[in-house]
All heavy atoms as atom14 arrays in JSON, in Angstrom:
{
  "sequence": "AALLKRPESEITLKTLAGGDTARSFRLEMPGAPARFVKYHDEPAL",
  "atom14_mask": [
    [1, 1, 1, 1, 1, 0, 0, 0, 0, 0, 0, 0, 0, 0],
    [1, 1, 1, 1, 1, 0, 0, 0, 0, 0, 0, 0, 0, 0],
    [1, 1, 1, 1, 1, 1, 1, 1, 0, 0, 0, 0, 0, 0],
    [1, 1, 1, 1, 1, 1, 1, 1, 0, 0, 0, 0, 0, 0],
    [1, 1, 1, 1, 1, 1, 1, 1, 1, 0, 0, 0, 0, 0],
    [1, 1, 1, 1, 1, 1, 1, 1, 1, 1, 1, 0, 0, 0],
    [1, 1, 1, 1, 1, 1, 1, 0, 0, 0, 0, 0, 0, 0],
    [1, 1, 1, 1, 1, 1, 1, 1, 1, 0, 0, 0, 0, 0],
    [1, 1, 1, 1, 1, 1, 0, 0, 0, 0, 0, 0, 0, 0],
    [1, 1, 1, 1, 1, 1, 1, 1, 1, 0, 0, 0, 0, 0],
    [1, 1, 1, 1, 1, 1, 1, 1, 0, 0, 0, 0, 0, 0],
    [1, 1, 1, 1, 1, 1, 1, 0, 0, 0, 0, 0, 0, 0],
    [1, 1, 1, 1, 1, 1, 1, 1, 0, 0, 0, 0, 0, 0],
    [1, 1, 1, 1, 1, 1, 1, 1, 1, 0, 0, 0, 0, 0],
    [1, 1, 1, 1, 1, 1, 1, 0, 0, 0, 0, 0, 0, 0],
    [1, 1, 1, 1, 1, 1, 1, 1, 0, 0, 0, 0, 0, 0],
    [1, 1, 1, 1, 1, 0, 0, 0, 0, 0, 0, 0, 0, 0],
    [1, 1, 1, 1, 0, 0, 0, 0, 0, 0, 0, 0, 0, 0],
    [1, 1, 1, 1, 0, 0, 0, 0, 0, 0, 0, 0, 0, 0],
    [1, 1, 1, 1, 1, 1, 1, 1, 0, 0, 0, 0, 0, 0],
    [1, 1, 1, 1, 1, 1, 1, 0, 0, 0, 0, 0, 0, 0],
    [1, 1, 1, 1, 1, 0, 0, 0, 0, 0, 0, 0, 0, 0],
    [1, 1, 1, 1, 1, 1, 1, 1, 1, 1, 1, 0, 0, 0],
    [1, 1, 1, 1, 1, 1, 0, 0, 0, 0, 0, 0, 0, 0],
    [1, 1, 1, 1, 1, 1, 1, 1, 1, 1, 1, 0, 0, 0],
    [1, 1, 1, 1, 1, 1, 1, 1, 1, 1, 1, 0, 0, 0],
    [1, 1, 1, 1, 1, 1, 1, 1, 0, 0, 0, 0, 0, 0],
    [1, 1, 1, 1, 1, 1, 1, 1, 1, 0, 0, 0, 0, 0],
    [1, 1, 1, 1, 1, 1, 1, 1, 0, 0, 0, 0, 0, 0],
    [1, 1, 1, 1, 1, 1, 1, 0, 0, 0, 0, 0, 0, 0],
    [1, 1, 1, 1, 0, 0, 0, 0, 0, 0, 0, 0, 0, 0],
    [1, 1, 1, 1, 1, 0, 0, 0, 0, 0, 0, 0, 0, 0],
    [1, 1, 1, 1, 1, 1, 1, 0, 0, 0, 0, 0, 0, 0],
    [1, 1, 1, 1, 1, 0, 0, 0, 0, 0, 0, 0, 0, 0],
    [1, 1, 1, 1, 1, 1, 1, 1, 1, 1, 1, 0, 0, 0],
    [1, 1, 1, 1, 1, 1, 1, 1, 1, 1, 1, 0, 0, 0],
    [1, 1, 1, 1, 1, 1, 1, 0, 0, 0, 0, 0, 0, 0],
    [1, 1, 1, 1, 1, 1, 1, 1, 1, 0, 0, 0, 0, 0],
    [1, 1, 1, 1, 1, 1, 1, 1, 1, 1, 1, 1, 0, 0],
    [1, 1, 1, 1, 1, 1, 1, 1, 1, 1, 0, 0, 0, 0],
    [1, 1, 1, 1, 1, 1, 1, 1, 0, 0, 0, 0, 0, 0],
    [1, 1, 1, 1, 1, 1, 1, 1, 1, 0, 0, 0, 0, 0],
    [1, 1, 1, 1, 1, 1, 1, 0, 0, 0, 0, 0, 0, 0],
    [1, 1, 1, 1, 1, 0, 0, 0, 0, 0, 0, 0, 0, 0],
    [1, 1, 1, 1, 1, 1, 1, 1, 0, 0, 0, 0, 0, 0]
  ],
  "atom14_positions": [
    [[0.83, -1.23, 0.01], [0.01, 0.03, 0.0], [0.88, 1.23, -0.01], [0.62, 2.22, -0.76], [-0.93, 0.0, 1.22], [0.0, 0.0, 0.0], [0.0, 0.0, 0.0], [0.0, 0.0, 0.0], [0.0, 0.0, 0.0], [0.0, 0.0, 0.0], [0.0, 0.0, 0.0], [0.0, 0.0, 0.0], [0.0, 0.0, 0.0], [0.0, 0.0, 0.0]],
    [[1.91, 1.32, 0.83], [2.81, 2.39, 0.84], [3.55, 2.55, -0.45], [3.81, 3.62, -0.97], [3.84, 2.28, 2.02], [0.0, 0.0, 0.0], [0.0, 0.0, 0.0], [0.0, 0.0, 0.0], [0.0, 0.0, 0.0], [0.0, 0.0, 0.0], [0.0, 0.0, 0.0], [0.0, 0.0, 0.0], [0.0, 0.0, 0.0], [0.0, 0.0, 0.0]],
    [[4.04, 1.4, -1.01], [4.81, 1.44, -2.26], [3.97, 2.02, -3.43], [4.38, 2.78, -4.24], [5.37, 0.06, -2.62], [6.1, -0.14, -3.94], [7.37, 0.64, -3.88], [6.4, -1.61, -4.17], [0.0, 0.0, 0.0], [0.0, 0.0, 0.0], [0.0, 0.0, 0.0], [0.0, 0.0, 0.0], [0.0, 0.0, 0.0], [0.0, 0.0, 0.0]],
    [[2.69, 1.45, -3.55], [1.89, 1.78, -4.65], [1.01, 3.08, -4.46], [0.21, 3.48, -5.28], [0.91, 0.6, -4.96], [1.72, -0.66, -5.38], [0.72, -1.85, -5.38], [2.42, -0.52, -6.69], [0.0, 0.0, 0.0], [0.0, 0.0, 0.0], [0.0, 0.0, 0.0], [0.0, 0.0, 0.0], [0.0, 0.0, 0.0], [0.0, 0.0, 0.0]],
    [[1.03, 3.59, -3.14], [0.31, 4.79, -2.81], [-1.2, 4.54, -2.95], [-1.87, 5.33, -3.54], [0.8, 5.98, -3.62], [2.23, 6.36, -3.33], [2.65, 7.58, -4.16], [4.02, 8.08, -3.78], [5.13, 7.02, -3.85], [0.0, 0.0, 0.0], [0.0, 0.0, 0.0], [0.0, 0.0, 0.0], [0.0, 0.0, 0.0], [0.0, 0.0, 0.0]],
    [[-1.64, 3.42, -2.51], [-3.07, 3.06, -2.51], [-3.44, 2.6, -1.05], [-2.66, 2.03, -0.3], [-3.33, 1.96, -3.42], [-3.2, 2.25, -4.91], [-4.34, 3.1, -5.38], [-4.34, 3.18, -6.89], [-5.14, 2.52, -7.65], [-6.03, 1.68, -7.14], [-5.07, 2.63, -8.99], [0.0, 0.0, 0.0], [0.0, 0.0, 0.0], [0.0, 0.0, 0.0]],
    [[-4.69, 2.81, -0.7], [-5.22, 2.29, 0.62], [-5.18, 0.77, 0.54], [-5.42, 0.2, -0.47], [-6.58, 2.89, 0.79], [-6.98, 3.29, -0.6], [-5.74, 3.64, -1.37], [0.0, 0.0, 0.0], [0.0, 0.0, 0.0], [0.0, 0.0, 0.0], [0.0, 0.0, 0.0], [0.0, 0.0, 0.0], [0.0, 0.0, 0.0], [0.0, 0.0, 0.0]],
    [[-4.93, 0.17, 1.65], [-4.92, -1.35, 1.74], [-6.28, -1.95, 1.29], [-6.29, -3.0, 0.73], [-4.69, -1.76, 3.2], [-3.28, -1.47, 3.62], [-2.96, -2.05, 5.06], [-3.6, -3.03, 5.37], [-2.24, -1.36, 5.78], [0.0, 0.0, 0.0], [0.0, 0.0, 0.0], [0.0, 0.0, 0.0], [0.0, 0.0, 0.0], [0.0, 0.0, 0.0]],
    [[-7.4, -1.17, 1.49], [-8.67, -1.68, 1.12], [-8.83, -1.83, -0.35], [-9.74, -2.56, -0.81], [-9.79, -0.72, 1.69], [-9.65, 0.57, 1.1], [0.0, 0.0, 0.0], [0.0, 0.0, 0.0], [0.0, 0.0, 0.0], [0.0, 0.0, 0.0], [0.0, 0.0, 0.0], [0.0, 0.0, 0.0], [0.0, 0.0, 0.0], [0.0, 0.0, 0.0]],
    [[-8.07, -1.15, -1.17], [-8.14, -1.29, -2.63], [-7.17, -2.4, -3.2], [-7.24, -2.68, -4.37], [-7.72, 0.09, -3.24], [-8.75, 1.14, -3.01], [-8.4, 2.37, -3.86], [-7.45, 2.37, -4.56], [-9.13, 3.4, -3.75], [0.0, 0.0, 0.0], [0.0, 0.0, 0.0], [0.0, 0.0, 0.0], [0.0, 0.0, 0.0], [0.0, 0.0, 0.0]],
    [[-6.42, -2.98, -2.34], [-5.41, -4.01, -2.8], [-5.97, -5.4, -2.55], [-6.28, -5.73, -1.32], [-4.1, -3.78, -2.22], [-3.57, -2.41, -2.6], [-3.14, -4.86, -2.62], [-2.22, -2.08, -1.88], [0.0, 0.0, 0.0], [0.0, 0.0, 0.0], [0.0, 0.0, 0.0], [0.0, 0.0, 0.0], [0.0, 0.0, 0.0], [0.0, 0.0, 0.0]],
    [[-6.0, -6.26, -3.54], [-6.33, -7.66, -3.37], [-5.11, -8.51, -3.73], [-4.54, -8.38, -4.84], [-7.58, -8.04, -4.23], [-8.61, -7.24, -3.86], [-7.89, -9.51, -4.08], [0.0, 0.0, 0.0], [0.0, 0.0, 0.0], [0.0, 0.0, 0.0], [0.0, 0.0, 0.0], [0.0, 0.0, 0.0], [0.0, 0.0, 0.0], [0.0, 0.0, 0.0]],
    [[-4.72, -9.42, -2.82], [-3.67, -10.36, -3.09], [-4.22, -11.76, -3.23], [-4.9, -12.23, -2.31], [-2.59, -10.28, -1.98], [-1.72, -9.0, -2.0], [-0.77, -9.15, -0.75], [-0.98, -8.86, -3.29], [0.0, 0.0, 0.0], [0.0, 0.0, 0.0], [0.0, 0.0, 0.0], [0.0, 0.0, 0.0], [0.0, 0.0, 0.0], [0.0, 0.0, 0.0]],
    [[-3.95, -12.47, -4.27], [-4.34, -13.81, -4.52], [-3.15, -14.71, -4.52], [-2.26, -14.52, -5.38], [-5.16, -13.96, -5.79], [-6.45, -13.18, -5.8], [-7.25, -13.36, -7.09], [-8.5, -12.58, -7.01], [-9.35, -12.74, -8.3], [0.0, 0.0, 0.0], [0.0, 0.0, 0.0], [0.0, 0.0, 0.0], [0.0, 0.0, 0.0], [0.0, 0.0, 0.0]],
    [[-3.05, -15.65, -3.65], [-1.91, -16.52, -3.6], [-1.82, -17.41, -4.88], [-2.85, -17.99, -5.23], [-2.0, -17.41, -2.32], [-2.02, -16.61, -1.2], [-0.74, -18.34, -2.27], [0.0, 0.0, 0.0], [0.0, 0.0, 0.0], [0.0, 0.0, 0.0], [0.0, 0.0, 0.0], [0.0, 0.0, 0.0], [0.0, 0.0, 0.0], [0.0, 0.0, 0.0]],
    [[-0.66, -17.53, -5.43], [-0.44, -18.25, -6.6], [0.36, -19.6, -6.25], [1.29, -19.5, -5.43], [0.31, -17.52, -7.7], [-0.43, -16.25, -8.17], [0.45, -15.49, -9.14], [-1.75, -16.63, -8.84], [0.0, 0.0, 0.0], [0.0, 0.0, 0.0], [0.0, 0.0, 0.0], [0.0, 0.0, 0.0], [0.0, 0.0, 0.0], [0.0, 0.0, 0.0]],
    [[0.18, -20.64, -6.96], [0.92, -21.85, -6.82], [2.18, -21.77, -7.63], [2.35, -20.99, -8.56], [0.13, -23.08, -7.17], [0.0, 0.0, 0.0], [0.0, 0.0, 0.0], [0.0, 0.0, 0.0], [0.0, 0.0, 0.0], [0.0, 0.0, 0.0], [0.0, 0.0, 0.0], [0.0, 0.0, 0.0], [0.0, 0.0, 0.0], [0.0, 0.0, 0.0]],
    [[3.16, -22.67, -7.32], [4.3, -22.74, -8.07], [5.53, -22.15, -7.32], [5.41, -21.25, -6.59], [0.0, 0.0, 0.0], [0.0, 0.0, 0.0], [0.0, 0.0, 0.0], [0.0, 0.0, 0.0], [0.0, 0.0, 0.0], [0.0, 0.0, 0.0], [0.0, 0.0, 0.0], [0.0, 0.0, 0.0], [0.0, 0.0, 0.0], [0.0, 0.0, 0.0]],
    [[6.7, -22.75, -7.65], [7.89, -22.29, -7.0], [8.07, -22.88, -5.54], [7.03, -23.15, -4.93], [0.0, 0.0, 0.0], [0.0, 0.0, 0.0], [0.0, 0.0, 0.0], [0.0, 0.0, 0.0], [0.0, 0.0, 0.0], [0.0, 0.0, 0.0], [0.0, 0.0, 0.0], [0.0, 0.0, 0.0], [0.0, 0.0, 0.0], [0.0, 0.0, 0.0]],
    [[9.34, -23.06, -5.17], [9.47, -23.62, -3.79], [10.38, -22.74, -2.98], [10.89, -23.22, -1.87], [10.02, -25.05, -3.93], [11.37, -25.09, -4.72], [11.84, -23.97, -5.12], [11.85, -26.19, -4.91], [0.0, 0.0, 0.0], [0.0, 0.0, 0.0], [0.0, 0.0, 0.0], [0.0, 0.0, 0.0], [0.0, 0.0, 0.0], [0.0, 0.0, 0.0]],
    [[10.75, -21.52, -3.37], [11.63, -20.71, -2.57], [10.99, -19.39, -2.11], [11.44, -18.76, -1.24], [12.87, -20.33, -3.43], [12.53, -19.68, -4.6], [13.73, -21.63, -3.76], [0.0, 0.0, 0.0], [0.0, 0.0, 0.0], [0.0, 0.0, 0.0], [0.0, 0.0, 0.0], [0.0, 0.0, 0.0], [0.0, 0.0, 0.0], [0.0, 0.0, 0.0]],
    [[9.96, -18.96, -2.75], [9.27, -17.71, -2.4], [7.71, -17.9, -2.46], [7.22, -18.75, -3.08], [9.68, -16.62, -3.37], [0.0, 0.0, 0.0], [0.0, 0.0, 0.0], [0.0, 0.0, 0.0], [0.0, 0.0, 0.0], [0.0, 0.0, 0.0], [0.0, 0.0, 0.0], [0.0, 0.0, 0.0], [0.0, 0.0, 0.0], [0.0, 0.0, 0.0]],
    [[7.11, -17.0, -1.76], [5.56, -16.9, -1.76], [5.27, -15.96, -2.94], [5.85, -14.91, -3.19], [5.04, -16.32, -0.48], [5.3, -17.26, 0.67], [4.88, -16.6, 1.98], [3.46, -16.29, 2.01], [2.79, -15.54, 2.91], [3.53, -14.98, 3.94], [1.53, -15.38, 2.86], [0.0, 0.0, 0.0], [0.0, 0.0, 0.0], [0.0, 0.0, 0.0]],
    [[4.23, -16.36, -3.78], [3.92, -15.65, -4.99], [2.45, -15.19, -4.94], [1.54, -16.01, -4.42], [4.13, -16.43, -6.19], [5.48, -16.77, -6.37], [0.0, 0.0, 0.0], [0.0, 0.0, 0.0], [0.0, 0.0, 0.0], [0.0, 0.0, 0.0], [0.0, 0.0, 0.0], [0.0, 0.0, 0.0], [0.0, 0.0, 0.0], [0.0, 0.0, 0.0]],
    [[2.15, -14.03, -5.4], [0.78, -13.47, -5.39], [0.53, -12.72, -6.74], [1.32, -12.2, -7.37], [0.65, -12.45, -4.3], [1.09, -12.91, -2.95], [2.38, -12.8, -2.48], [0.16, -13.55, -2.11], [2.74, -13.2, -1.24], [0.56, -14.03, -0.8], [1.84, -13.85, -0.35], [0.0, 0.0, 0.0], [0.0, 0.0, 0.0], [0.0, 0.0, 0.0]],
    [[-0.81, -12.69, -7.01], [-1.32, -11.85, -8.07], [-1.94, -10.59, -7.3], [-2.78, -10.81, -6.49], [-2.37, -12.52, -8.92], [-3.06, -11.61, -9.93], [-4.18, -12.39, -10.68], [-5.1, -11.41, -11.35], [-5.08, -11.15, -12.68], [-4.16, -11.8, -13.41], [-5.91, -10.32, -13.17], [0.0, 0.0, 0.0], [0.0, 0.0, 0.0], [0.0, 0.0, 0.0]],
    [[-1.5, -9.46, -7.68], [-2.01, -8.23, -7.04], [-2.97, -7.53, -8.0], [-2.68, -7.32, -9.12], [-0.76, -7.32, -6.74], [-1.11, -6.05, -5.95], [0.14, -5.56, -5.17], [-1.5, -4.86, -6.87], [0.0, 0.0, 0.0], [0.0, 0.0, 0.0], [0.0, 0.0, 0.0], [0.0, 0.0, 0.0], [0.0, 0.0, 0.0], [0.0, 0.0, 0.0]],
    [[-4.11, -7.16, -7.46], [-5.18, -6.48, -8.15], [-5.58, -5.23, -7.48], [-5.68, -5.2, -6.24], [-6.37, -7.4, -8.44], [-6.05, -8.66, -9.25], [-7.2, -9.65, -9.36], [-8.29, -9.28, -8.68], [-7.1, -10.61, -10.08], [0.0, 0.0, 0.0], [0.0, 0.0, 0.0], [0.0, 0.0, 0.0], [0.0, 0.0, 0.0], [0.0, 0.0, 0.0]],
    [[-5.81, -4.19, -8.27], [-6.3, -2.91, -7.73], [-7.29, -2.32, -8.76], [-7.16, -2.56, -9.97], [-5.15, -1.89, -7.57], [-4.17, -2.31, -6.49], [-2.94, -1.04, -6.25], [-2.22, -0.86, -7.89], [0.0, 0.0, 0.0], [0.0, 0.0, 0.0], [0.0, 0.0, 0.0], [0.0, 0.0, 0.0], [0.0, 0.0, 0.0], [0.0, 0.0, 0.0]],
    [[-8.28, -1.6, -8.34], [-9.23, -0.89, -9.3], [-8.45, 0.01, -10.24], [-7.64, 0.84, -9.83], [-10.17, -0.1, -8.35], [-10.08, -0.79, -6.98], [-8.66, -1.25, -6.94], [0.0, 0.0, 0.0], [0.0, 0.0, 0.0], [0.0, 0.0, 0.0], [0.0, 0.0, 0.0], [0.0, 0.0, 0.0], [0.0, 0.0, 0.0], [0.0, 0.0, 0.0]],
    [[-8.78, -0.14, -11.54], [-8.26, 0.77, -12.53], [-6.77, 0.65, -12.8], [-6.22, 1.56, -13.34], [0.0, 0.0, 0.0], [0.0, 0.0, 0.0], [0.0, 0.0, 0.0], [0.0, 0.0, 0.0], [0.0, 0.0, 0.0], [0.0, 0.0, 0.0], [0.0, 0.0, 0.0], [0.0, 0.0, 0.0], [0.0, 0.0, 0.0], [0.0, 0.0, 0.0]],
    [[-6.18, -0.49, -12.42], [-4.75, -0.71, -12.64], [-4.51, -2.07, -13.13], [-5.25, -3.0, -12.85], [-3.96, -0.52, -11.37], [0.0, 0.0, 0.0], [0.0, 0.0, 0.0], [0.0, 0.0, 0.0], [0.0, 0.0, 0.0], [0.0, 0.0, 0.0], [0.0, 0.0, 0.0], [0.0, 0.0, 0.0], [0.0, 0.0, 0.0], [0.0, 0.0, 0.0]],
    [[-3.45, -2.33, -14.03], [-3.19, -3.69, -14.45], [-2.73, -4.49, -13.27], [-2.12, -4.03, -12.33], [-1.98, -3.4, -15.44], [-1.4, -2.08, -14.99], [-2.5, -1.31, -14.48], [0.0, 0.0, 0.0], [0.0, 0.0, 0.0], [0.0, 0.0, 0.0], [0.0, 0.0, 0.0], [0.0, 0.0, 0.0], [0.0, 0.0, 0.0], [0.0, 0.0, 0.0]],
    [[-2.87, -5.8, -13.44], [-2.52, -6.78, -12.4], [-0.98, -6.76, -12.36], [-0.28, -6.48, -13.31], [-3.05, -8.16, -12.69], [0.0, 0.0, 0.0], [0.0, 0.0, 0.0], [0.0, 0.0, 0.0], [0.0, 0.0, 0.0], [0.0, 0.0, 0.0], [0.0, 0.0, 0.0], [0.0, 0.0, 0.0], [0.0, 0.0, 0.0], [0.0, 0.0, 0.0]],
    [[-0.48, -7.1, -11.16], [0.96, -7.22, -10.91], [1.25, -8.61, -10.34], [0.44, -9.19, -9.64], [1.54, -6.15, -10.09], [1.47, -4.75, -10.66], [1.77, -3.7, -9.65], [2.0, -2.42, -10.26], [1.0, -1.51, -10.49], [-0.23, -1.81, -10.25], [1.27, -0.32, -11.02], [0.0, 0.0, 0.0], [0.0, 0.0, 0.0], [0.0, 0.0, 0.0]],
    [[2.53, -9.06, -10.49], [3.01, -10.31, -9.87], [3.95, -9.9, -8.75], [4.82, -9.11, -8.96], [3.72, -11.14, -10.97], [4.19, -12.48, -10.49], [3.3, -13.46, -10.04], [5.53, -12.7, -10.34], [3.77, -14.68, -9.61], [6.05, -13.95, -9.9], [5.16, -14.89, -9.5], [0.0, 0.0, 0.0], [0.0, 0.0, 0.0], [0.0, 0.0, 0.0]],
    [[3.64, -10.49, -7.61], [4.5, -10.05, -6.45], [5.13, -11.34, -5.82], [4.42, -12.4, -5.64], [3.58, -9.39, -5.34], [4.41, -9.06, -4.12], [3.02, -8.18, -5.91], [0.0, 0.0, 0.0], [0.0, 0.0, 0.0], [0.0, 0.0, 0.0], [0.0, 0.0, 0.0], [0.0, 0.0, 0.0], [0.0, 0.0, 0.0], [0.0, 0.0, 0.0]],
    [[6.39, -11.28, -5.51], [7.1, -12.33, -4.75], [7.53, -11.78, -3.43], [7.96, -10.64, -3.3], [8.38, -12.8, -5.55], [8.03, -13.86, -6.6], [9.41, -14.4, -7.23], [9.14, -15.6, -8.07], [10.41, -16.16, -8.54], [0.0, 0.0, 0.0], [0.0, 0.0, 0.0], [0.0, 0.0, 0.0], [0.0, 0.0, 0.0], [0.0, 0.0, 0.0]],
    [[7.38, -12.68, -2.44], [7.92, -12.3, -1.06], [8.96, -13.42, -0.7], [8.58, -14.57, -0.78], [6.79, -12.2, -0.06], [7.44, -12.06, 1.39], [7.94, -10.89, 1.85], [7.57, -13.23, 2.15], [8.46, -10.75, 3.11], [8.12, -13.14, 3.45], [8.57, -11.9, 3.93], [9.16, -11.83, 5.11], [0.0, 0.0, 0.0], [0.0, 0.0, 0.0]],
    [[10.05, -13.05, -0.1], [10.94, -14.0, 0.54], [11.57, -13.38, 1.72], [11.89, -12.18, 1.71], [12.04, -14.44, -0.47], [12.65, -15.77, -0.09], [13.68, -15.84, 0.87], [12.48, -17.0, -0.58], [14.07, -17.08, 0.98], [13.37, -17.82, 0.06], [0.0, 0.0, 0.0], [0.0, 0.0, 0.0], [0.0, 0.0, 0.0], [0.0, 0.0, 0.0]],
    [[11.78, -14.17, 2.75], [12.4, -13.67, 3.97], [13.85, -13.4, 3.88], [14.55, -12.97, 4.79], [12.06, -14.5, 5.23], [12.48, -15.96, 5.06], [13.21, -16.28, 4.07], [12.09, -16.72, 5.89], [0.0, 0.0, 0.0], [0.0, 0.0, 0.0], [0.0, 0.0, 0.0], [0.0, 0.0, 0.0], [0.0, 0.0, 0.0], [0.0, 0.0, 0.0]],
    [[14.54, -13.8, 2.68], [15.89, -13.55, 2.45], [15.97, -12.46, 1.34], [15.87, -12.86, 0.12], [16.64, -14.8, 2.07], [18.16, -14.67, 1.58], [18.9, -13.73, 2.58], [19.25, -14.27, 3.67], [19.16, -12.57, 2.23], [0.0, 0.0, 0.0], [0.0, 0.0, 0.0], [0.0, 0.0, 0.0], [0.0, 0.0, 0.0], [0.0, 0.0, 0.0]],
    [[16.18, -11.2, 1.7], [16.21, -10.22, 0.61], [17.18, -10.43, -0.45], [16.92, -10.08, -1.63], [16.54, -8.91, 1.43], [16.13, -9.21, 2.8], [16.4, -10.69, 3.02], [0.0, 0.0, 0.0], [0.0, 0.0, 0.0], [0.0, 0.0, 0.0], [0.0, 0.0, 0.0], [0.0, 0.0, 0.0], [0.0, 0.0, 0.0], [0.0, 0.0, 0.0]],
    [[18.37, -11.01, -0.15], [19.41, -11.19, -1.16], [18.93, -12.08, -2.3], [19.36, -11.87, -3.42], [20.64, -11.76, -0.49], [0.0, 0.0, 0.0], [0.0, 0.0, 0.0], [0.0, 0.0, 0.0], [0.0, 0.0, 0.0], [0.0, 0.0, 0.0], [0.0, 0.0, 0.0], [0.0, 0.0, 0.0], [0.0, 0.0, 0.0], [0.0, 0.0, 0.0]],
    [[18.04, -12.97, -2.04], [17.52, -13.85, -3.11], [16.78, -13.05, -4.15], [16.94, -13.32, -5.33], [16.62, -15.01, -2.48], [16.24, -16.08, -3.39], [16.2, -17.39, -2.62], [14.92, -15.78, -4.04], [0.0, 0.0, 0.0], [0.0, 0.0, 0.0], [0.0, 0.0, 0.0], [0.0, 0.0, 0.0], [0.0, 0.0, 0.0], [0.0, 0.0, 0.0]]
  ]
}
């Protein structure tokens, strides 16, 4: 929300399958193209 300058209420994260090292999501917001988001607790990766 801070990065995209949108309220949290406008952001939808859908968990995606696949991969074994990071958590993956499809991010959706009104009036914006979808984005692919990865999270990992090791930033260097």
